[in-house]
């Protein structure tokens, strides 16, 4: 992944990038914007390392793609037909034609997540999503 240190997230703050490593040499990278998985580099038996995750070149590139690459989606995952919760007569914001996909235009993938704790081998993210 190419460095994107001069760029900032939509909230004007820098990306918070977390790199995790395990004892077998696997290296994974996440960012707090969208709790997005950026990279998974896996060591092979021949000594080479392979990228195992489809993703973008820089963190800011994730703002301009609509495939939800590496994203944590929500409040709903999948598509809500006609962007409507019919049992509640609740209309939602459409972001895939007439439908809502993965939480809509302001889904969890488009919000900054709080890093609750992290170490060399784990990161825990949190987001508040109040009802309504």
N, C-alpha and C. Protein backbone atom coordinates (compact mmCIF):
# COMPACT_ATOMS: atom_id res chain seq x y z
N UNK A 1 0.84 -1.17 0.00
CA UNK A 1 0.00 0.00 0.00
C UNK A 1 0.89 1.23 0.00
N UNK A 2 0.53 2.22 -0.79
CA UNK A 2 1.28 3.46 -0.90
C UNK A 2 0.93 4.37 0.27
N UNK A 3 1.92 5.09 0.78
CA UNK A 3 1.69 6.01 1.88
C UNK A 3 0.75 7.13 1.46
N UNK A 4 -0.06 7.58 2.39
CA UNK A 4 -1.04 8.63 2.14
C UNK A 4 -1.00 9.61 3.30
N UNK A 5 0.21 9.89 3.80
CA UNK A 5 0.36 10.66 5.03
C UNK A 5 -0.06 12.11 4.90
N UNK A 6 -0.06 12.67 3.71
CA UNK A 6 -0.44 14.07 3.54
C UNK A 6 -1.94 14.25 3.37
N UNK A 7 -2.67 13.17 3.36
CA UNK A 7 -4.10 13.23 3.16
C UNK A 7 -4.81 13.04 4.50
N UNK A 8 -6.04 13.53 4.54
CA UNK A 8 -6.85 13.40 5.75
C UNK A 8 -8.19 12.80 5.41
N UNK A 9 -8.84 12.26 6.42
CA UNK A 9 -10.19 11.72 6.29
C UNK A 9 -11.17 12.89 6.11
N UNK A 10 -12.41 12.59 5.73
CA UNK A 10 -13.41 13.65 5.52
C UNK A 10 -13.66 14.53 6.74
N UNK A 11 -13.35 14.05 7.94
CA UNK A 11 -13.55 14.88 9.14
C UNK A 11 -12.36 15.81 9.39
N UNK A 12 -11.38 15.83 8.48
CA UNK A 12 -10.23 16.72 8.59
C UNK A 12 -9.10 16.18 9.44
N UNK A 13 -9.30 15.05 10.06
CA UNK A 13 -8.28 14.44 10.91
C UNK A 13 -7.46 13.43 10.10
N UNK A 14 -6.22 13.18 10.51
CA UNK A 14 -5.42 12.18 9.78
C UNK A 14 -5.97 10.77 10.00
N UNK A 15 -5.66 9.91 9.05
CA UNK A 15 -6.00 8.49 9.20
C UNK A 15 -5.22 7.93 10.37
N UNK A 16 -5.81 7.04 11.12
CA UNK A 16 -5.07 6.30 12.15
C UNK A 16 -4.89 4.89 11.61
N UNK A 17 -3.67 4.58 11.24
CA UNK A 17 -3.34 3.30 10.62
C UNK A 17 -2.76 2.38 11.70
N UNK A 18 -3.24 1.16 11.74
CA UNK A 18 -2.74 0.16 12.69
C UNK A 18 -2.17 -1.02 11.91
N UNK A 19 -0.95 -1.41 12.25
CA UNK A 19 -0.29 -2.55 11.62
C UNK A 19 -0.14 -3.64 12.68
N UNK A 20 -0.64 -4.83 12.38
CA UNK A 20 -0.57 -5.97 13.29
C UNK A 20 0.31 -7.05 12.68
N UNK A 21 1.02 -7.76 13.55
CA UNK A 21 1.90 -8.84 13.09
C UNK A 21 1.70 -10.06 13.98
N UNK A 22 1.85 -11.26 13.38
CA UNK A 22 1.82 -12.46 14.21
C UNK A 22 3.18 -13.16 14.14
N UNK A 23 3.33 -14.23 14.91
CA UNK A 23 4.61 -14.92 15.01
C UNK A 23 4.99 -15.66 13.73
N UNK A 24 4.07 -15.80 12.78
CA UNK A 24 4.35 -16.50 11.53
C UNK A 24 4.72 -15.54 10.40
N UNK A 25 4.77 -14.24 10.71
CA UNK A 25 5.18 -13.26 9.71
C UNK A 25 4.05 -12.63 8.93
N UNK A 26 2.80 -12.95 9.26
CA UNK A 26 1.68 -12.29 8.59
C UNK A 26 1.55 -10.86 9.12
N UNK A 27 1.31 -9.92 8.21
CA UNK A 27 1.17 -8.51 8.57
C UNK A 27 -0.15 -8.02 7.99
N UNK A 28 -1.01 -7.47 8.85
CA UNK A 28 -2.29 -6.91 8.40
C UNK A 28 -2.35 -5.45 8.81
N UNK A 29 -3.04 -4.67 7.99
CA UNK A 29 -3.13 -3.22 8.22
C UNK A 29 -4.59 -2.80 8.19
N UNK A 30 -4.97 -1.95 9.15
CA UNK A 30 -6.32 -1.43 9.26
C UNK A 30 -6.25 0.09 9.41
N UNK A 31 -7.37 0.76 9.10
CA UNK A 31 -7.47 2.18 9.43
C UNK A 31 -8.77 2.40 10.19
N UNK A 32 -8.78 3.48 10.97
CA UNK A 32 -9.94 3.76 11.81
C UNK A 32 -11.11 4.32 11.02
N UNK A 33 -10.88 4.90 9.84
CA UNK A 33 -12.00 5.39 9.03
C UNK A 33 -12.73 4.19 8.44
N UNK A 34 -13.94 3.94 8.90
CA UNK A 34 -14.71 2.80 8.43
C UNK A 34 -14.27 1.47 9.02
N UNK A 35 -13.36 1.50 10.01
CA UNK A 35 -12.77 0.27 10.54
C UNK A 35 -12.41 -0.64 9.36
N UNK A 36 -11.64 -0.08 8.45
CA UNK A 36 -11.36 -0.69 7.16
C UNK A 36 -10.09 -1.52 7.18
N UNK A 37 -10.20 -2.74 6.65
CA UNK A 37 -9.07 -3.64 6.51
C UNK A 37 -8.37 -3.27 5.21
N UNK A 38 -7.13 -2.79 5.31
CA UNK A 38 -6.40 -2.28 4.15
C UNK A 38 -5.51 -3.31 3.46
N UNK A 39 -4.91 -4.19 4.25
CA UNK A 39 -3.92 -5.10 3.67
C UNK A 39 -3.79 -6.36 4.51
N UNK A 40 -3.48 -7.47 3.85
CA UNK A 40 -3.18 -8.74 4.51
C UNK A 40 -2.01 -9.37 3.75
N UNK A 41 -0.82 -9.24 4.30
CA UNK A 41 0.38 -9.75 3.65
C UNK A 41 0.76 -11.08 4.31
N UNK A 42 0.74 -12.14 3.49
CA UNK A 42 0.91 -13.50 3.99
C UNK A 42 2.23 -14.08 3.49
N UNK A 43 3.08 -14.56 4.41
CA UNK A 43 4.34 -15.19 3.97
C UNK A 43 4.06 -16.57 3.37
N UNK A 44 4.74 -16.86 2.28
CA UNK A 44 4.58 -18.13 1.59
C UNK A 44 5.74 -19.06 1.95
N UNK A 45 5.58 -20.35 1.68
CA UNK A 45 6.62 -21.32 2.01
C UNK A 45 7.93 -21.07 1.27
N UNK A 46 7.85 -20.46 0.09
CA UNK A 46 9.08 -20.20 -0.68
C UNK A 46 9.80 -18.93 -0.23
N UNK A 47 9.30 -18.28 0.83
CA UNK A 47 9.94 -17.08 1.35
C UNK A 47 9.37 -15.78 0.82
N UNK A 48 8.54 -15.85 -0.21
CA UNK A 48 7.91 -14.64 -0.74
C UNK A 48 6.74 -14.23 0.16
N UNK A 49 6.23 -13.05 -0.08
CA UNK A 49 5.07 -12.54 0.66
C UNK A 49 4.02 -12.13 -0.36
N UNK A 50 2.77 -12.52 -0.11
CA UNK A 50 1.69 -12.19 -1.04
C UNK A 50 0.62 -11.36 -0.35
N UNK A 51 0.12 -10.40 -1.10
CA UNK A 51 -1.04 -9.63 -0.64
C UNK A 51 -2.27 -10.49 -0.89
N UNK A 52 -3.04 -10.74 0.15
CA UNK A 52 -4.20 -11.63 0.05
C UNK A 52 -5.53 -10.88 0.03
N UNK A 53 -5.49 -9.56 0.07
CA UNK A 53 -6.71 -8.77 0.18
C UNK A 53 -6.83 -7.83 -1.00
N UNK A 54 -8.00 -7.81 -1.60
CA UNK A 54 -8.28 -6.84 -2.66
C UNK A 54 -8.54 -5.50 -2.01
N UNK A 55 -7.84 -4.47 -2.44
CA UNK A 55 -8.01 -3.17 -1.81
C UNK A 55 -7.53 -2.05 -2.71
N UNK A 56 -7.45 -0.87 -2.13
CA UNK A 56 -7.03 0.34 -2.84
C UNK A 56 -5.57 0.64 -2.54
N UNK A 57 -4.98 1.53 -3.33
CA UNK A 57 -3.57 1.87 -3.17
C UNK A 57 -3.30 2.75 -1.96
N UNK A 58 -4.22 3.66 -1.63
CA UNK A 58 -4.01 4.58 -0.51
C UNK A 58 -5.29 4.68 0.31
N UNK A 59 -5.19 5.11 1.57
CA UNK A 59 -6.42 5.27 2.37
C UNK A 59 -7.44 6.21 1.72
N UNK A 60 -7.01 7.30 1.13
CA UNK A 60 -7.97 8.23 0.54
C UNK A 60 -8.69 7.62 -0.67
N UNK A 61 -8.08 6.63 -1.33
CA UNK A 61 -8.76 5.97 -2.45
C UNK A 61 -10.03 5.25 -2.00
N UNK A 62 -10.09 4.85 -0.73
CA UNK A 62 -11.29 4.16 -0.23
C UNK A 62 -12.50 5.09 -0.22
N UNK A 63 -12.28 6.39 -0.22
CA UNK A 63 -13.39 7.35 -0.25
C UNK A 63 -14.04 7.43 -1.62
N UNK A 64 -13.34 6.95 -2.65
CA UNK A 64 -13.81 7.10 -4.03
C UNK A 64 -14.15 5.77 -4.69
N UNK A 65 -14.39 4.74 -3.92
CA UNK A 65 -14.80 3.44 -4.47
C UNK A 65 -16.12 3.06 -3.82
N UNK A 66 -16.90 2.28 -4.51
CA UNK A 66 -18.22 1.91 -3.97
C UNK A 66 -18.39 0.40 -3.85
N UNK A 67 -17.26 -0.32 -3.78
CA UNK A 67 -17.32 -1.78 -3.66
C UNK A 67 -17.21 -2.25 -2.20
N UNK A 68 -17.11 -1.31 -1.28
CA UNK A 68 -17.00 -1.62 0.16
C UNK A 68 -15.77 -2.49 0.45
N UNK A 69 -14.69 -2.27 -0.27
CA UNK A 69 -13.46 -3.05 -0.08
C UNK A 69 -12.95 -2.90 1.35
N UNK A 70 -12.84 -3.99 2.08
CA UNK A 70 -12.31 -4.00 3.42
C UNK A 70 -13.15 -3.33 4.49
N UNK A 71 -14.30 -2.83 4.12
CA UNK A 71 -15.10 -2.00 5.02
C UNK A 71 -15.87 -2.80 6.06
N UNK A 72 -16.11 -2.16 7.18
CA UNK A 72 -17.08 -2.64 8.16
C UNK A 72 -18.39 -1.95 7.80
N UNK A 73 -19.40 -2.72 7.47
CA UNK A 73 -20.64 -2.13 6.99
C UNK A 73 -21.71 -2.16 8.08
N UNK A 74 -22.68 -1.30 7.94
CA UNK A 74 -23.79 -1.27 8.88
C UNK A 74 -24.46 0.08 8.82
N UNK A 75 -25.38 0.23 9.51
CA UNK A 75 -26.07 -0.50 10.55
C UNK A 75 -26.67 -1.77 10.00
N UNK A 76 -26.98 -1.82 8.74
CA UNK A 76 -27.48 -3.04 8.11
C UNK A 76 -26.48 -3.49 7.07
N UNK A 77 -26.25 -4.79 7.00
CA UNK A 77 -25.45 -5.34 5.92
C UNK A 77 -26.43 -5.91 4.89
N UNK A 78 -26.08 -5.77 3.63
CA UNK A 78 -26.89 -6.21 2.50
C UNK A 78 -27.80 -5.08 2.07
N UNK A 79 -28.77 -5.40 1.24
CA UNK A 79 -29.62 -4.40 0.59
C UNK A 79 -31.00 -4.39 1.22
N UNK A 80 -31.50 -3.20 1.44
CA UNK A 80 -32.89 -3.03 1.87
C UNK A 80 -33.66 -2.53 0.65
N UNK A 81 -34.53 -3.39 0.14
CA UNK A 81 -35.28 -3.09 -1.08
C UNK A 81 -36.11 -1.83 -0.92
N UNK A 82 -36.06 -1.01 -1.94
CA UNK A 82 -36.81 0.25 -2.00
C UNK A 82 -36.48 1.20 -0.86
N UNK A 83 -35.37 0.97 -0.17
CA UNK A 83 -34.92 1.82 0.94
C UNK A 83 -36.06 2.08 1.92
N UNK A 84 -36.78 1.00 2.26
CA UNK A 84 -37.94 1.14 3.13
C UNK A 84 -38.06 -0.06 4.06
N UNK A 85 -38.23 0.24 5.34
CA UNK A 85 -38.55 -0.80 6.32
C UNK A 85 -40.07 -0.83 6.42
N UNK A 86 -40.68 -1.69 5.61
CA UNK A 86 -42.14 -1.68 5.45
C UNK A 86 -42.92 -1.93 6.74
N UNK A 87 -42.48 -2.86 7.62
CA UNK A 87 -43.27 -3.06 8.83
C UNK A 87 -43.37 -1.79 9.69
N UNK A 88 -42.39 -0.91 9.57
CA UNK A 88 -42.38 0.32 10.37
C UNK A 88 -42.76 1.55 9.57
N UNK A 89 -43.03 1.38 8.27
CA UNK A 89 -43.28 2.51 7.38
C UNK A 89 -42.18 3.57 7.49
N UNK A 90 -40.95 3.08 7.51
CA UNK A 90 -39.80 3.96 7.67
C UNK A 90 -39.02 4.02 6.37
N UNK A 91 -38.88 5.22 5.81
CA UNK A 91 -38.11 5.42 4.59
C UNK A 91 -36.66 5.69 4.96
N UNK A 92 -35.75 5.07 4.22
CA UNK A 92 -34.33 5.21 4.44
C UNK A 92 -33.69 5.92 3.26
N UNK A 93 -32.48 6.38 3.44
CA UNK A 93 -31.74 7.03 2.35
C UNK A 93 -31.24 5.97 1.38
N UNK A 94 -31.57 6.14 0.11
CA UNK A 94 -31.13 5.20 -0.93
C UNK A 94 -29.70 5.55 -1.35
N UNK A 95 -28.90 4.53 -1.62
CA UNK A 95 -27.55 4.76 -2.13
C UNK A 95 -27.16 3.75 -3.22
N UNK A 96 -28.11 2.91 -3.64
CA UNK A 96 -27.89 1.99 -4.75
C UNK A 96 -29.17 1.98 -5.57
N UNK A 97 -29.28 2.96 -6.45
CA UNK A 97 -30.54 3.13 -7.16
C UNK A 97 -31.62 3.48 -6.15
N UNK A 98 -32.72 2.73 -6.19
CA UNK A 98 -33.84 2.97 -5.26
C UNK A 98 -33.66 2.25 -3.93
N UNK A 99 -32.56 1.56 -3.76
CA UNK A 99 -32.36 0.71 -2.58
C UNK A 99 -31.30 1.29 -1.64
N UNK A 100 -31.28 0.77 -0.42
CA UNK A 100 -30.21 1.11 0.51
C UNK A 100 -29.29 -0.09 0.65
N UNK A 101 -27.99 0.14 0.51
CA UNK A 101 -27.00 -0.92 0.62
C UNK A 101 -26.06 -0.63 1.79
N UNK A 102 -25.84 -1.63 2.64
CA UNK A 102 -24.83 -1.59 3.71
C UNK A 102 -24.90 -0.36 4.60
N UNK A 103 -26.10 0.04 4.98
CA UNK A 103 -26.23 1.16 5.91
C UNK A 103 -26.40 2.50 5.24
N UNK A 104 -26.42 2.54 3.94
CA UNK A 104 -26.71 3.77 3.22
C UNK A 104 -25.54 4.71 3.05
N UNK A 105 -25.85 5.92 2.60
CA UNK A 105 -24.79 6.88 2.28
C UNK A 105 -24.01 7.36 3.50
N UNK A 106 -24.51 7.13 4.68
CA UNK A 106 -23.81 7.50 5.92
C UNK A 106 -23.57 6.26 6.78
N UNK A 107 -23.27 5.13 6.13
CA UNK A 107 -23.05 3.87 6.84
C UNK A 107 -21.77 3.87 7.67
N UNK A 108 -21.54 2.79 8.38
CA UNK A 108 -20.38 2.67 9.27
C UNK A 108 -19.07 2.76 8.51
N UNK A 109 -19.07 2.44 7.24
CA UNK A 109 -17.85 2.54 6.44
C UNK A 109 -17.44 3.98 6.17
N UNK A 110 -18.31 4.93 6.47
CA UNK A 110 -18.05 6.35 6.22
C UNK A 110 -17.94 7.14 7.52
N UNK A 111 -17.59 6.45 8.59
CA UNK A 111 -17.46 7.10 9.89
C UNK A 111 -16.14 6.71 10.54
N UNK A 112 -15.65 7.59 11.41
CA UNK A 112 -14.43 7.29 12.15
C UNK A 112 -14.78 6.43 13.35
N UNK A 113 -14.05 5.35 13.48
CA UNK A 113 -14.21 4.43 14.61
C UNK A 113 -13.18 4.77 15.67
N UNK A 114 -13.54 4.59 16.91
CA UNK A 114 -12.62 4.82 18.02
C UNK A 114 -11.79 3.56 18.25
N UNK A 115 -10.49 3.75 18.39
CA UNK A 115 -9.63 2.63 18.77
C UNK A 115 -9.69 2.52 20.29
N UNK A 116 -10.28 1.43 20.76
CA UNK A 116 -10.44 1.21 22.20
C UNK A 116 -9.13 0.72 22.80
N UNK A 117 -8.49 -0.24 22.12
CA UNK A 117 -7.18 -0.71 22.55
C UNK A 117 -6.51 -1.41 21.37
N UNK A 118 -5.19 -1.44 21.45
CA UNK A 118 -4.44 -2.13 20.41
C UNK A 118 -3.11 -2.59 20.98
N UNK A 119 -2.58 -3.61 20.35
CA UNK A 119 -1.27 -4.13 20.68
C UNK A 119 -0.62 -4.53 19.36
N UNK A 120 0.47 -5.23 19.42
CA UNK A 120 1.12 -5.66 18.18
C UNK A 120 0.30 -6.70 17.43
N UNK A 121 -0.61 -7.40 18.14
CA UNK A 121 -1.36 -8.50 17.51
C UNK A 121 -2.87 -8.29 17.45
N UNK A 122 -3.40 -7.19 17.99
CA UNK A 122 -4.85 -6.98 17.92
C UNK A 122 -5.20 -5.51 18.02
N UNK A 123 -6.34 -5.18 17.44
CA UNK A 123 -6.91 -3.84 17.58
C UNK A 123 -8.41 -4.02 17.81
N UNK A 124 -8.96 -3.22 18.72
CA UNK A 124 -10.39 -3.25 19.02
C UNK A 124 -10.96 -1.88 18.69
N UNK A 125 -11.94 -1.85 17.79
CA UNK A 125 -12.61 -0.62 17.41
C UNK A 125 -13.99 -0.55 18.04
N UNK A 126 -14.50 0.68 18.17
CA UNK A 126 -15.84 0.88 18.70
C UNK A 126 -16.47 2.04 17.97
N UNK A 127 -17.78 1.94 17.75
CA UNK A 127 -18.54 3.05 17.19
C UNK A 127 -19.87 3.12 17.91
N UNK A 128 -20.34 4.32 18.16
CA UNK A 128 -21.66 4.50 18.75
C UNK A 128 -22.65 4.69 17.63
N UNK A 129 -23.77 4.00 17.73
CA UNK A 129 -24.83 4.08 16.73
C UNK A 129 -26.16 4.18 17.46
N UNK A 130 -26.52 5.39 17.89
CA UNK A 130 -27.75 5.54 18.64
C UNK A 130 -28.98 5.18 17.80
N UNK A 131 -29.98 4.68 18.47
CA UNK A 131 -31.24 4.34 17.83
C UNK A 131 -31.84 5.59 17.18
N UNK A 132 -32.47 5.41 16.04
CA UNK A 132 -33.17 6.52 15.38
C UNK A 132 -32.33 7.20 14.36
